[in-house]
Amino acid sequence: MSNTREHHTTVSELGFTVMTEDLPILNVYRGDWVLTGEGDPPPNYWVVTLDGKGIPYTGHASPQELLALAKREGLPYAYAAPYGRYVEGRDDKIQLHEWIRDHRKKMRPM
């Protein structure tokens, strides 16, 4: 009998968006990612960079479109989340932008 817990979450259930090539980085994490903040998240999104800065965009682009735009602009994007919210590990409070930054270096060496 195994005492490990198997957890399945679809990308659409996460509440934030990463580029497809960063999905393996999320899969390495043992735990749950959660949005910071109280109450319902706002309907508009911003891009959080690898240094933890939030960059708002105007308009009604999807989170994936915002990440693609940030990539085209040469920004060090990490993920898109509801405006004013960040993503962290539920139990250890590790910041997702730091996790992505550190694991991109490991998984995609230059």
PDB file of N, CA and C in Angstrom:
ATOM      1  N   MET A   1       0.844  -1.187   0.000  1.00  0.00           N
ATOM      2  CA  MET A   1       0.000   0.000   0.000  1.00  0.00           C
ATOM      3  C   MET A   1       0.883   1.242   0.000  1.00  0.00           C
ATOM      4  N   SER A   2       0.555   2.162  -0.834  1.00  0.00           N
ATOM      5  CA  SER A   2       1.336   3.389  -0.951  1.00  0.00           C
ATOM      6  C   SER A   2       0.692   4.487  -0.119  1.00  0.00           C
ATOM      7  N   ASN A   3       1.517   5.281   0.538  1.00  0.00           N
ATOM      8  CA  ASN A   3       0.970   6.382   1.310  1.00  0.00           C
ATOM      9  C   ASN A   3       1.218   7.724   0.618  1.00  0.00           C
ATOM     10  N   THR A   4       1.550   7.682  -0.666  1.00  0.00           N
ATOM     11  CA  THR A   4       1.704   8.933  -1.410  1.00  0.00           C
ATOM     12  C   THR A   4       0.357   9.339  -1.965  1.00  0.00           C
ATOM     13  N   ARG A   5       0.125  10.599  -1.983  1.00  0.00           N
ATOM     14  CA  ARG A   5      -1.143  11.132  -2.467  1.00  0.00           C
ATOM     15  C   ARG A   5      -0.983  11.507  -3.929  1.00  0.00           C
ATOM     16  N   GLU A   6      -1.879  11.041  -4.741  1.00  0.00           N
ATOM     17  CA  GLU A   6      -1.860  11.402  -6.156  1.00  0.00           C
ATOM     18  C   GLU A   6      -2.826  12.559  -6.354  1.00  0.00           C
ATOM     19  N   HIS A   7      -2.349  13.595  -7.001  1.00  0.00           N
ATOM     20  CA  HIS A   7      -3.150  14.801  -7.165  1.00  0.00           C
ATOM     21  C   HIS A   7      -3.172  15.186  -8.636  1.00  0.00           C
ATOM     22  N   HIS A   8      -4.350  15.404  -9.157  1.00  0.00           N
ATOM     23  CA  HIS A   8      -4.485  15.810 -10.552  1.00  0.00           C
ATOM     24  C   HIS A   8      -5.176  17.161 -10.608  1.00  0.00           C
ATOM     25  N   THR A   9      -4.576  18.085 -11.311  1.00  0.00           N
ATOM     26  CA  THR A   9      -5.163  19.387 -11.543  1.00  0.00           C
ATOM     27  C   THR A   9      -5.026  19.691 -13.021  1.00  0.00           C
ATOM     28  N   THR A  10      -6.093  20.151 -13.617  1.00  0.00           N
ATOM     29  CA  THR A  10      -5.981  20.550 -15.014  1.00  0.00           C
ATOM     30  C   THR A  10      -5.448  21.976 -15.059  1.00  0.00           C
ATOM     31  N   VAL A  11      -4.848  22.319 -16.175  1.00  0.00           N
ATOM     32  CA  VAL A  11      -4.285  23.653 -16.324  1.00  0.00           C
ATOM     33  C   VAL A  11      -5.363  24.711 -16.130  1.00  0.00           C
ATOM     34  N   SER A  12      -6.566  24.452 -16.603  1.00  0.00           N
ATOM     35  CA  SER A  12      -7.640  25.440 -16.485  1.00  0.00           C
ATOM     36  C   SER A  12      -8.093  25.649 -15.041  1.00  0.00           C
ATOM     37  N   GLU A  13      -7.780  24.738 -14.136  1.00  0.00           N
ATOM     38  CA  GLU A  13      -8.172  24.869 -12.729  1.00  0.00           C
ATOM     39  C   GLU A  13      -7.173  25.670 -11.904  1.00  0.00           C
ATOM     40  N   LEU A  14      -6.025  26.002 -12.459  1.00  0.00           N
ATOM     41  CA  LEU A  14      -4.961  26.611 -11.673  1.00  0.00           C
ATOM     42  C   LEU A  14      -5.253  28.043 -11.243  1.00  0.00           C
ATOM     43  N   GLY A  15      -5.949  28.814 -12.061  1.00  0.00           N
ATOM     44  CA  GLY A  15      -6.202  30.210 -11.721  1.00  0.00           C
ATOM     45  C   GLY A  15      -5.112  31.142 -12.214  1.00  0.00           C
ATOM     46  N   PHE A  16      -4.086  30.607 -12.833  1.00  0.00           N
ATOM     47  CA  PHE A  16      -3.002  31.383 -13.428  1.00  0.00           C
ATOM     48  C   PHE A  16      -2.543  30.630 -14.667  1.00  0.00           C
ATOM     49  N   THR A  17      -1.700  31.259 -15.471  1.00  0.00           N
ATOM     50  CA  THR A  17      -1.281  30.664 -16.733  1.00  0.00           C
ATOM     51  C   THR A  17       0.227  30.749 -16.884  1.00  0.00           C
ATOM     52  N   VAL A  18       0.825  29.668 -17.373  1.00  0.00           N
ATOM     53  CA  VAL A  18       2.245  29.654 -17.734  1.00  0.00           C
ATOM     54  C   VAL A  18       2.344  29.268 -19.204  1.00  0.00           C
ATOM     55  N   MET A  19       3.485  29.544 -19.794  1.00  0.00           N
ATOM     56  CA  MET A  19       3.719  29.114 -21.171  1.00  0.00           C
ATOM     57  C   MET A  19       3.801  27.590 -21.181  1.00  0.00           C
ATOM     58  N   THR A  20       3.389  26.994 -22.270  1.00  0.00           N
ATOM     59  CA  THR A  20       3.374  25.536 -22.393  1.00  0.00           C
ATOM     60  C   THR A  20       4.735  24.929 -22.073  1.00  0.00           C
ATOM     61  N   GLU A  21       5.804  25.570 -22.510  1.00  0.00           N
ATOM     62  CA  GLU A  21       7.140  25.015 -22.260  1.00  0.00           C
ATOM     63  C   GLU A  21       7.525  25.028 -20.779  1.00  0.00           C
ATOM     64  N   ASP A  22       6.792  25.777 -19.947  1.00  0.00           N
ATOM     65  CA  ASP A  22       7.066  25.798 -18.510  1.00  0.00           C
ATOM     66  C   ASP A  22       6.236  24.789 -17.720  1.00  0.00           C
ATOM     67  N   LEU A  23       5.321  24.077 -18.364  1.00  0.00           N
ATOM     68  CA  LEU A  23       4.510  23.085 -17.645  1.00  0.00           C
ATOM     69  C   LEU A  23       5.355  22.018 -16.954  1.00  0.00           C
ATOM     70  N   PRO A  24       6.432  21.504 -17.568  1.00  0.00           N
ATOM     71  CA  PRO A  24       7.258  20.526 -16.844  1.00  0.00           C
ATOM     72  C   PRO A  24       7.842  21.089 -15.545  1.00  0.00           C
ATOM     73  N   ILE A  25       8.093  22.388 -15.512  1.00  0.00           N
ATOM     74  CA  ILE A  25       8.611  23.024 -14.293  1.00  0.00           C
ATOM     75  C   ILE A  25       7.557  22.964 -13.192  1.00  0.00           C
ATOM     76  N   LEU A  26       6.300  23.198 -13.545  1.00  0.00           N
ATOM     77  CA  LEU A  26       5.225  23.096 -12.547  1.00  0.00           C
ATOM     78  C   LEU A  26       5.086  21.672 -12.042  1.00  0.00           C
ATOM     79  N   ASN A  27       5.262  20.703 -12.936  1.00  0.00           N
ATOM     80  CA  ASN A  27       5.083  19.298 -12.563  1.00  0.00           C
ATOM     81  C   ASN A  27       6.140  18.799 -11.593  1.00  0.00           C
ATOM     82  N   VAL A  28       7.283  19.451 -11.526  1.00  0.00           N
ATOM     83  CA  VAL A  28       8.350  19.050 -10.603  1.00  0.00           C
ATOM     84  C   VAL A  28       7.973  19.386  -9.159  1.00  0.00           C
ATOM     85  N   TYR A  29       7.167  20.415  -8.982  1.00  0.00           N
ATOM     86  CA  TYR A  29       6.807  20.887  -7.642  1.00  0.00           C
ATOM     87  C   TYR A  29       5.915  19.875  -6.933  1.00  0.00           C
ATOM     88  N   ARG A  30       6.217  19.613  -5.681  1.00  0.00           N
ATOM     89  CA  ARG A  30       5.415  18.702  -4.855  1.00  0.00           C
ATOM     90  C   ARG A  30       4.557  19.525  -3.908  1.00  0.00           C
ATOM     91  N   GLY A  31       3.359  19.785  -4.313  1.00  0.00           N
ATOM     92  CA  GLY A  31       2.458  20.599  -3.512  1.00  0.00           C
ATOM     93  C   GLY A  31       1.472  21.300  -4.416  1.00  0.00           C
ATOM     94  N   ASP A  32       0.760  22.249  -3.851  1.00  0.00           N
ATOM     95  CA  ASP A  32      -0.259  22.982  -4.594  1.00  0.00           C
ATOM     96  C   ASP A  32       0.134  24.447  -4.708  1.00  0.00           C
ATOM     97  N   TRP A  33      -0.107  25.012  -5.873  1.00  0.00           N
ATOM     98  CA  TRP A  33       0.087  26.440  -6.093  1.00  0.00           C
ATOM     99  C   TRP A  33      -1.229  27.148  -5.820  1.00  0.00           C
ATOM    100  N   VAL A  34      -1.173  28.300  -5.155  1.00  0.00           N
ATOM    101  CA  VAL A  34      -2.384  29.069  -4.856  1.00  0.00           C
ATOM    102  C   VAL A  34      -2.157  30.542  -5.172  1.00  0.00           C
ATOM    103  N   LEU A  35      -3.248  31.224  -5.491  1.00  0.00           N
ATOM    104  CA  LEU A  35      -3.198  32.669  -5.689  1.00  0.00           C
ATOM    105  C   LEU A  35      -3.161  33.367  -4.343  1.00  0.00           C
ATOM    106  N   THR A  36      -2.412  34.452  -4.246  1.00  0.00           N
ATOM    107  CA  THR A  36      -2.425  35.266  -3.038  1.00  0.00           C
ATOM    108  C   THR A  36      -3.657  36.165  -3.071  1.00  0.00           C
ATOM    109  N   GLY A  37      -3.970  36.757  -1.949  1.00  0.00           N
ATOM    110  CA  GLY A  37      -5.071  37.713  -1.884  1.00  0.00           C
ATOM    111  C   GLY A  37      -6.359  37.083  -1.404  1.00  0.00           C
ATOM    112  N   GLU A  38      -7.240  37.948  -0.983  1.00  0.00           N
ATOM    113  CA  GLU A  38      -8.541  37.525  -0.455  1.00  0.00           C
ATOM    114  C   GLU A  38      -9.643  37.806  -1.469  1.00  0.00           C
ATOM    115  N   GLY A  39     -10.709  37.061  -1.369  1.00  0.00           N
ATOM    116  CA  GLY A  39     -11.875  37.304  -2.210  1.00  0.00           C
ATOM    117  C   GLY A  39     -11.704  36.791  -3.625  1.00  0.00           C
ATOM    118  N   ASP A  40     -12.689  37.097  -4.427  1.00  0.00           N
ATOM    119  CA  ASP A  40     -12.659  36.668  -5.824  1.00  0.00           C
ATOM    120  C   ASP A  40     -11.568  37.421  -6.571  1.00  0.00           C
ATOM    121  N   PRO A  41     -10.823  36.716  -7.416  1.00  0.00           N
ATOM    122  CA  PRO A  41      -9.790  37.406  -8.194  1.00  0.00           C
ATOM    123  C   PRO A  41     -10.424  38.314  -9.247  1.00  0.00           C
ATOM    124  N   PRO A  42      -9.750  39.408  -9.581  1.00  0.00           N
ATOM    125  CA  PRO A  42     -10.281  40.297 -10.611  1.00  0.00           C
ATOM    126  C   PRO A  42     -10.307  39.611 -11.977  1.00  0.00           C
ATOM    127  N   PRO A  43     -11.128  40.095 -12.900  1.00  0.00           N
ATOM    128  CA  PRO A  43     -11.255  39.448 -14.207  1.00  0.00           C
ATOM    129  C   PRO A  43     -10.106  39.763 -15.166  1.00  0.00           C
ATOM    130  N   ASN A  44      -9.330  40.812 -14.884  1.00  0.00           N
ATOM    131  CA  ASN A  44      -8.222  41.152 -15.774  1.00  0.00           C
ATOM    132  C   ASN A  44      -6.910  40.565 -15.238  1.00  0.00           C
ATOM    133  N   TYR A  45      -5.931  40.408 -16.124  1.00  0.00           N
ATOM    134  CA  TYR A  45      -4.677  39.739 -15.784  1.00  0.00           C
ATOM    135  C   TYR A  45      -3.486  40.663 -15.940  1.00  0.00           C
ATOM    136  N   TRP A  46      -2.402  40.291 -15.287  1.00  0.00           N
ATOM    137  CA  TRP A  46      -1.112  40.927 -15.485  1.00  0.00           C
ATOM    138  C   TRP A  46      -0.068  39.842 -15.636  1.00  0.00           C
ATOM    139  N   VAL A  47       1.097  40.227 -16.136  1.00  0.00           N
ATOM    140  CA  VAL A  47       2.209  39.293 -16.286  1.00  0.00           C
ATOM    141  C   VAL A  47       3.167  39.528 -15.133  1.00  0.00           C
ATOM    142  N   VAL A  48       3.531  38.463 -14.443  1.00  0.00           N
ATOM    143  CA  VAL A  48       4.524  38.540 -13.373  1.00  0.00           C
ATOM    144  C   VAL A  48       5.854  38.087 -13.960  1.00  0.00           C
ATOM    145  N   THR A  49       6.877  38.910 -13.755  1.00  0.00           N
ATOM    146  CA  THR A  49       8.195  38.629 -14.316  1.00  0.00           C
ATOM    147  C   THR A  49       9.018  37.761 -13.366  1.00  0.00           C
ATOM    148  N   LEU A  50      10.162  37.310 -13.849  1.00  0.00           N
ATOM    149  CA  LEU A  50      11.030  36.432 -13.059  1.00  0.00           C
ATOM    150  C   LEU A  50      11.574  37.107 -11.807  1.00  0.00           C
ATOM    151  N   ASP A  51      11.540  38.446 -11.758  1.00  0.00           N
ATOM    152  CA  ASP A  51      11.985  39.152 -10.554  1.00  0.00           C
ATOM    153  C   ASP A  51      10.811  39.563  -9.661  1.00  0.00           C
ATOM    154  N   GLY A  52       9.608  39.092  -9.993  1.00  0.00           N
ATOM    155  CA  GLY A  52       8.447  39.316  -9.141  1.00  0.00           C
ATOM    156  C   GLY A  52       7.681  40.597  -9.391  1.00  0.00           C
ATOM    157  N   LYS A  53       8.016  41.316 -10.438  1.00  0.00           N
ATOM    158  CA  LYS A  53       7.273  42.538 -10.753  1.00  0.00           C
ATOM    159  C   LYS A  53       6.035  42.182 -11.569  1.00  0.00           C
ATOM    160  N   GLY A  54       4.946  42.875 -11.288  1.00  0.00           N
ATOM    161  CA  GLY A  54       3.726  42.684 -12.053  1.00  0.00           C
ATOM    162  C   GLY A  54       3.601  43.747 -13.124  1.00  0.00           C
ATOM    163  N   ILE A  55       3.334  43.332 -14.347  1.00  0.00           N
ATOM    164  CA  ILE A  55       3.209  44.262 -15.463  1.00  0.00           C
ATOM    165  C   ILE A  55       1.776  44.203 -15.979  1.00  0.00           C
ATOM    166  N   PRO A  56       1.005  45.286 -15.747  1.00  0.00           N
ATOM    167  CA  PRO A  56      -0.378  45.296 -16.232  1.00  0.00           C
ATOM    168  C   PRO A  56      -0.436  45.598 -17.725  1.00  0.00           C
ATOM    169  N   TYR A  57      -1.433  45.056 -18.372  1.00  0.00           N
ATOM    170  CA  TYR A  57      -1.701  45.332 -19.785  1.00  0.00           C
ATOM    171  C   TYR A  57      -3.142  45.797 -19.906  1.00  0.00           C
ATOM    172  N   THR A  58      -3.385  46.710 -20.818  1.00  0.00           N
ATOM    173  CA  THR A  58      -4.760  47.146 -21.062  1.00  0.00           C
ATOM    174  C   THR A  58      -5.370  46.269 -22.149  1.00  0.00           C
ATOM    175  N   GLY A  59      -6.671  46.269 -22.217  1.00  0.00           N
ATOM    176  CA  GLY A  59      -7.352  45.466 -23.225  1.00  0.00           C
ATOM    177  C   GLY A  59      -7.898  44.183 -22.631  1.00  0.00           C
ATOM    178  N   HIS A  60      -8.335  43.315 -23.519  1.00  0.00           N
ATOM    179  CA  HIS A  60      -8.995  42.088 -23.084  1.00  0.00           C
ATOM    180  C   HIS A  60      -8.303  40.844 -23.614  1.00  0.00           C
ATOM    181  N   ALA A  61      -6.994  40.866 -23.659  1.00  0.00           N
ATOM    182  CA  ALA A  61      -6.243  39.702 -24.135  1.00  0.00           C
ATOM    183  C   ALA A  61      -6.348  38.570 -23.115  1.00  0.00           C
ATOM    184  N   SER A  62      -6.264  37.347 -23.601  1.00  0.00           N
ATOM    185  CA  SER A  62      -6.262  36.184 -22.707  1.00  0.00           C
ATOM    186  C   SER A  62      -4.912  36.118 -21.991  1.00  0.00           C
ATOM    187  N   PRO A  63      -4.833  35.395 -20.884  1.00  0.00           N
ATOM    188  CA  PRO A  63      -3.547  35.250 -20.194  1.00  0.00           C
ATOM    189  C   PRO A  63      -2.448  34.695 -21.110  1.00  0.00           C
ATOM    190  N   GLN A  64      -2.791  33.723 -21.950  1.00  0.00           N
ATOM    191  CA  GLN A  64      -1.804  33.146 -22.867  1.00  0.00           C
ATOM    192  C   GLN A  64      -1.329  34.196 -23.872  1.00  0.00           C
ATOM    193  N   GLU A  65      -2.247  35.029 -24.350  1.00  0.00           N
ATOM    194  CA  GLU A  65      -1.870  36.107 -25.274  1.00  0.00           C
ATOM    195  C   GLU A  65      -0.965  37.123 -24.587  1.00  0.00           C
ATOM    196  N   LEU A  66      -1.228  37.418 -23.322  1.00  0.00           N
ATOM    197  CA  LEU A  66      -0.374  38.348 -22.583  1.00  0.00           C
ATOM    198  C   LEU A  66       1.038  37.798 -22.436  1.00  0.00           C
ATOM    199  N   LEU A  67       1.152  36.505 -22.137  1.00  0.00           N
ATOM    200  CA  LEU A  67       2.483  35.897 -22.027  1.00  0.00           C
ATOM    201  C   LEU A  67       3.211  35.931 -23.366  1.00  0.00           C
ATOM    202  N   ALA A  68       2.488  35.652 -24.443  1.00  0.00           N
ATOM    203  CA  ALA A  68       3.103  35.698 -25.773  1.00  0.00           C
ATOM    204  C   ALA A  68       3.572  37.118 -26.094  1.00  0.00           C
ATOM    205  N   LEU A  69       2.783  38.114 -25.716  1.00  0.00           N
ATOM    206  CA  LEU A  69       3.162  39.507 -25.931  1.00  0.00           C
ATOM    207  C   LEU A  69       4.405  39.858 -25.110  1.00  0.00           C
ATOM    208  N   ALA A  70       4.420  39.457 -23.853  1.00  0.00           N
ATOM    209  CA  ALA A  70       5.585  39.713 -22.999  1.00  0.00           C
ATOM    210  C   ALA A  70       6.836  39.053 -23.577  1.00  0.00           C
ATOM    211  N   LYS A  71       6.676  37.855 -24.100  1.00  0.00           N
ATOM    212  CA  LYS A  71       7.808  37.147 -24.710  1.00  0.00           C
ATOM    213  C   LYS A  71       8.306  37.906 -25.940  1.00  0.00           C
ATOM    214  N   ARG A  72       7.383  38.344 -26.794  1.00  0.00           N
ATOM    215  CA  ARG A  72       7.767  39.116 -27.993  1.00  0.00           C
ATOM    216  C   ARG A  72       8.465  40.416 -27.616  1.00  0.00           C
ATOM    217  N   GLU A  73       8.045  41.018 -26.498  1.00  0.00           N
ATOM    218  CA  GLU A  73       8.652  42.268 -26.035  1.00  0.00           C
ATOM    219  C   GLU A  73       9.999  42.040 -25.351  1.00  0.00           C
ATOM    220  N   GLY A  74      10.382  40.774 -25.187  1.00  0.00           N
ATOM    221  CA  GLY A  74      11.664  40.464 -24.561  1.00  0.00           C
ATOM    222  C   GLY A  74      11.665  40.574 -23.047  1.00  0.00           C
ATOM    223  N   LEU A  75      10.485  40.578 -22.442  1.00  0.00           N
ATOM    224  CA  LEU A  75      10.391  40.669 -20.981  1.00  0.00           C
ATOM    225  C   LEU A  75      10.700  39.316 -20.341  1.00  0.00           C
ATOM    226  N   PRO A  76      11.265  39.329 -19.151  1.00  0.00           N
ATOM    227  CA  PRO A  76      11.550  38.071 -18.444  1.00  0.00           C
ATOM    228  C   PRO A  76      10.295  37.535 -17.748  1.00  0.00           C
ATOM    229  N   TYR A  77       9.314  37.124 -18.525  1.00  0.00           N
ATOM    230  CA  TYR A  77       8.009  36.688 -18.019  1.00  0.00           C
ATOM    231  C   TYR A  77       8.139  35.382 -17.218  1.00  0.00           C
ATOM    232  N   ALA A  78       7.269  35.235 -16.233  1.00  0.00           N
ATOM    233  CA  ALA A  78       7.160  33.975 -15.497  1.00  0.00           C
ATOM    234  C   ALA A  78       5.767  33.377 -15.716  1.00  0.00           C
ATOM    235  N   TYR A  79       4.725  34.154 -15.414  1.00  0.00           N
ATOM    236  CA  TYR A  79       3.354  33.655 -15.547  1.00  0.00           C
ATOM    237  C   TYR A  79       2.385  34.826 -15.628  1.00  0.00           C
ATOM    238  N   ALA A  80       1.153  34.545 -15.983  1.00  0.00           N
ATOM    239  CA  ALA A  80       0.071  35.528 -15.961  1.00  0.00           C
ATOM    240  C   ALA A  80      -0.903  35.115 -14.864  1.00  0.00           C
ATOM    241  N   ALA A  81      -1.350  36.102 -14.097  1.00  0.00           N
ATOM    242  CA  ALA A  81      -2.276  35.851 -12.988  1.00  0.00           C
ATOM    243  C   ALA A  81      -3.283  36.996 -12.933  1.00  0.00           C
ATOM    244  N   PRO A  82      -4.384  36.799 -12.213  1.00  0.00           N
ATOM    245  CA  PRO A  82      -5.316  37.910 -12.044  1.00  0.00           C
ATOM    246  C   PRO A  82      -4.579  39.133 -11.480  1.00  0.00           C
ATOM    247  N   TYR A  83      -4.956  40.306 -11.977  1.00  0.00           N
ATOM    248  CA  TYR A  83      -4.275  41.546 -11.616  1.00  0.00           C
ATOM    249  C   TYR A  83      -4.132  41.699 -10.097  1.00  0.00           C
ATOM    250  N   GLY A  84      -2.919  42.014  -9.668  1.00  0.00           N
ATOM    251  CA  GLY A  84      -2.646  42.237  -8.252  1.00  0.00           C
ATOM    252  C   GLY A  84      -2.390  40.978  -7.450  1.00  0.00           C
ATOM    253  N   ARG A  85      -2.484  39.819  -8.077  1.00  0.00           N
ATOM    254  CA  ARG A  85      -2.283  38.550  -7.376  1.00  0.00           C
ATOM    255  C   ARG A  85      -0.962  37.918  -7.802  1.00  0.00           C
ATOM    256  N   TYR A  86      -0.395  37.195  -6.879  1.00  0.00           N
ATOM    257  CA  TYR A  86       0.801  36.403  -7.147  1.00  0.00           C
ATOM    258  C   TYR A  86       0.457  34.944  -6.889  1.00  0.00           C
ATOM    259  N   VAL A  87       1.374  34.056  -7.214  1.00  0.00           N
ATOM    260  CA  VAL A  87       1.165  32.628  -6.994  1.00  0.00           C
ATOM    261  C   VAL A  87       2.280  32.136  -6.093  1.00  0.00           C
ATOM    262  N   GLU A  88       1.895  31.338  -5.085  1.00  0.00           N
ATOM    263  CA  GLU A  88       2.876  30.787  -4.156  1.00  0.00           C
ATOM    264  C   GLU A  88       2.475  29.370  -3.771  1.00  0.00           C
ATOM    265  N   GLY A  89       3.434  28.628  -3.229  1.00  0.00           N
ATOM    266  CA  GLY A  89       3.153  27.295  -2.733  1.00  0.00           C
ATOM    267  C   GLY A  89       2.260  27.375  -1.509  1.00  0.00           C
ATOM    268  N   ARG A  90       1.236  26.537  -1.478  1.00  0.00           N
ATOM    269  CA  ARG A  90       0.272  26.586  -0.368  1.00  0.00           C
ATOM    270  C   ARG A  90       0.951  26.385   0.989  1.00  0.00           C
ATOM    271  N   ASP A  91       1.830  25.410   1.083  1.00  0.00           N
ATOM    272  CA  ASP A  91       2.427  25.075   2.376  1.00  0.00           C
ATOM    273  C   ASP A  91       3.757  25.773   2.639  1.00  0.00           C
ATOM    274  N   ASP A  92       4.605  25.887   1.613  1.00  0.00           N
ATOM    275  CA  ASP A  92       5.949  26.429   1.844  1.00  0.00           C
ATOM    276  C   ASP A  92       6.099  27.895   1.452  1.00  0.00           C
ATOM    277  N   LYS A  93       5.075  28.468   0.844  1.00  0.00           N
ATOM    278  CA  LYS A  93       5.045  29.883   0.452  1.00  0.00           C
ATOM    279  C   LYS A  93       6.116  30.268  -0.566  1.00  0.00           C
ATOM    280  N   ILE A  94       6.726  29.291  -1.236  1.00  0.00           N
ATOM    281  CA  ILE A  94       7.694  29.621  -2.278  1.00  0.00           C
ATOM    282  C   ILE A  94       6.974  30.365  -3.394  1.00  0.00           C
ATOM    283  N   GLN A  95       7.600  31.389  -3.912  1.00  0.00           N
ATOM    284  CA  GLN A  95       7.008  32.199  -4.971  1.00  0.00           C
ATOM    285  C   GLN A  95       7.185  31.503  -6.318  1.00  0.00           C
ATOM    286  N   LEU A  96       6.108  31.431  -7.097  1.00  0.00           N
ATOM    287  CA  LEU A  96       6.161  30.741  -8.384  1.00  0.00           C
ATOM    288  C   LEU A  96       7.177  31.374  -9.326  1.00  0.00           C
ATOM    289  N   HIS A  97       7.296  32.700  -9.330  1.00  0.00           N
ATOM    290  CA  HIS A  97       8.265  33.321 -10.243  1.00  0.00           C
ATOM    291  C   HIS A  97       9.693  32.880  -9.910  1.00  0.00           C
ATOM    292  N   GLU A  98       9.997  32.705  -8.623  1.00  0.00           N
ATOM    293  CA  GLU A  98      11.324  32.216  -8.225  1.00  0.00           C
ATOM    294  C   GLU A  98      11.505  30.753  -8.633  1.00  0.00           C
ATOM    295  N   TRP A  99      10.470  29.958  -8.451  1.00  0.00           N
ATOM    296  CA  TRP A  99      10.517  28.539  -8.821  1.00  0.00           C
ATOM    297  C   TRP A  99      10.779  28.388 -10.321  1.00  0.00           C
ATOM    298  N   ILE A 100      10.028  29.143 -11.115  1.00  0.00           N
ATOM    299  CA  ILE A 100      10.211  29.082 -12.567  1.00  0.00           C
ATOM    300  C   ILE A 100      11.612  29.550 -12.945  1.00  0.00           C
ATOM    301  N   ARG A 101      12.052  30.677 -12.390  1.00  0.00           N
ATOM    302  CA  ARG A 101      13.388  31.210 -12.701  1.00  0.00           C
ATOM    303  C   ARG A 101      14.470  30.173 -12.401  1.00  0.00           C
ATOM    304  N   ASP A 102      14.435  29.596 -11.206  1.00  0.00           N
ATOM    305  CA  ASP A 102      15.468  28.642 -10.796  1.00  0.00           C
ATOM    306  C   ASP A 102      15.424  27.364 -11.618  1.00  0.00           C
ATOM    307  N   HIS A 103      14.224  26.890 -11.941  1.00  0.00           N
ATOM    308  CA  HIS A 103      14.110  25.628 -12.679  1.00  0.00           C
ATOM    309  C   HIS A 103      14.320  25.793 -14.179  1.00  0.00           C
ATOM    310  N   ARG A 104      14.075  26.971 -14.722  1.00  0.00           N
ATOM    311  CA  ARG A 104      14.430  27.195 -16.129  1.00  0.00           C
ATOM    312  C   ARG A 104      15.936  27.038 -16.300  1.00  0.00           C
ATOM    313  N   LYS A 105      16.688  27.551 -15.344  1.00  0.00           N
ATOM    314  CA  LYS A 105      18.151  27.435 -15.414  1.00  0.00           C
ATOM    315  C   LYS A 105      18.585  25.972 -15.383  1.00  0.00           C
ATOM    316  N   LYS A 106      17.917  25.169 -14.566  1.00  0.00           N
ATOM    317  CA  LYS A 106      18.263  23.748 -14.438  1.00  0.00           C
ATOM    318  C   LYS A 106      17.792  22.930 -15.635  1.00  0.00           C
ATOM    319  N   MET A 107      16.576  23.216 -16.111  1.00  0.00           N
ATOM    320  CA  MET A 107      15.963  22.383 -17.145  1.00  0.00           C
ATOM    321  C   MET A 107      16.309  22.828 -18.561  1.00  0.00           C
ATOM    322  N   ARG A 108      16.671  24.095 -18.717  1.00  0.00           N
ATOM    323  CA  ARG A 108      17.018  24.621 -20.041  1.00  0.00           C
ATOM    324  C   ARG A 108      18.332  25.379 -19.966  1.00  0.00           C
ATOM    325  N   PRO A 109      19.433  24.673 -19.705  1.00  0.00           N
ATOM    326  CA  PRO A 109      20.707  25.391 -19.593  1.00  0.00           C
ATOM    327  C   PRO A 109      21.055  26.082 -20.906  1.00  0.00           C
ATOM    328  N   MET A 110      21.661  27.231 -20.773  1.00  0.00           N
ATOM    329  CA  MET A 110      22.049  28.016 -21.958  1.00  0.00           C
ATOM    330  C   MET A 110      23.229  27.383 -22.659  1.00  0.00           C
TER     331      MET A 110
END
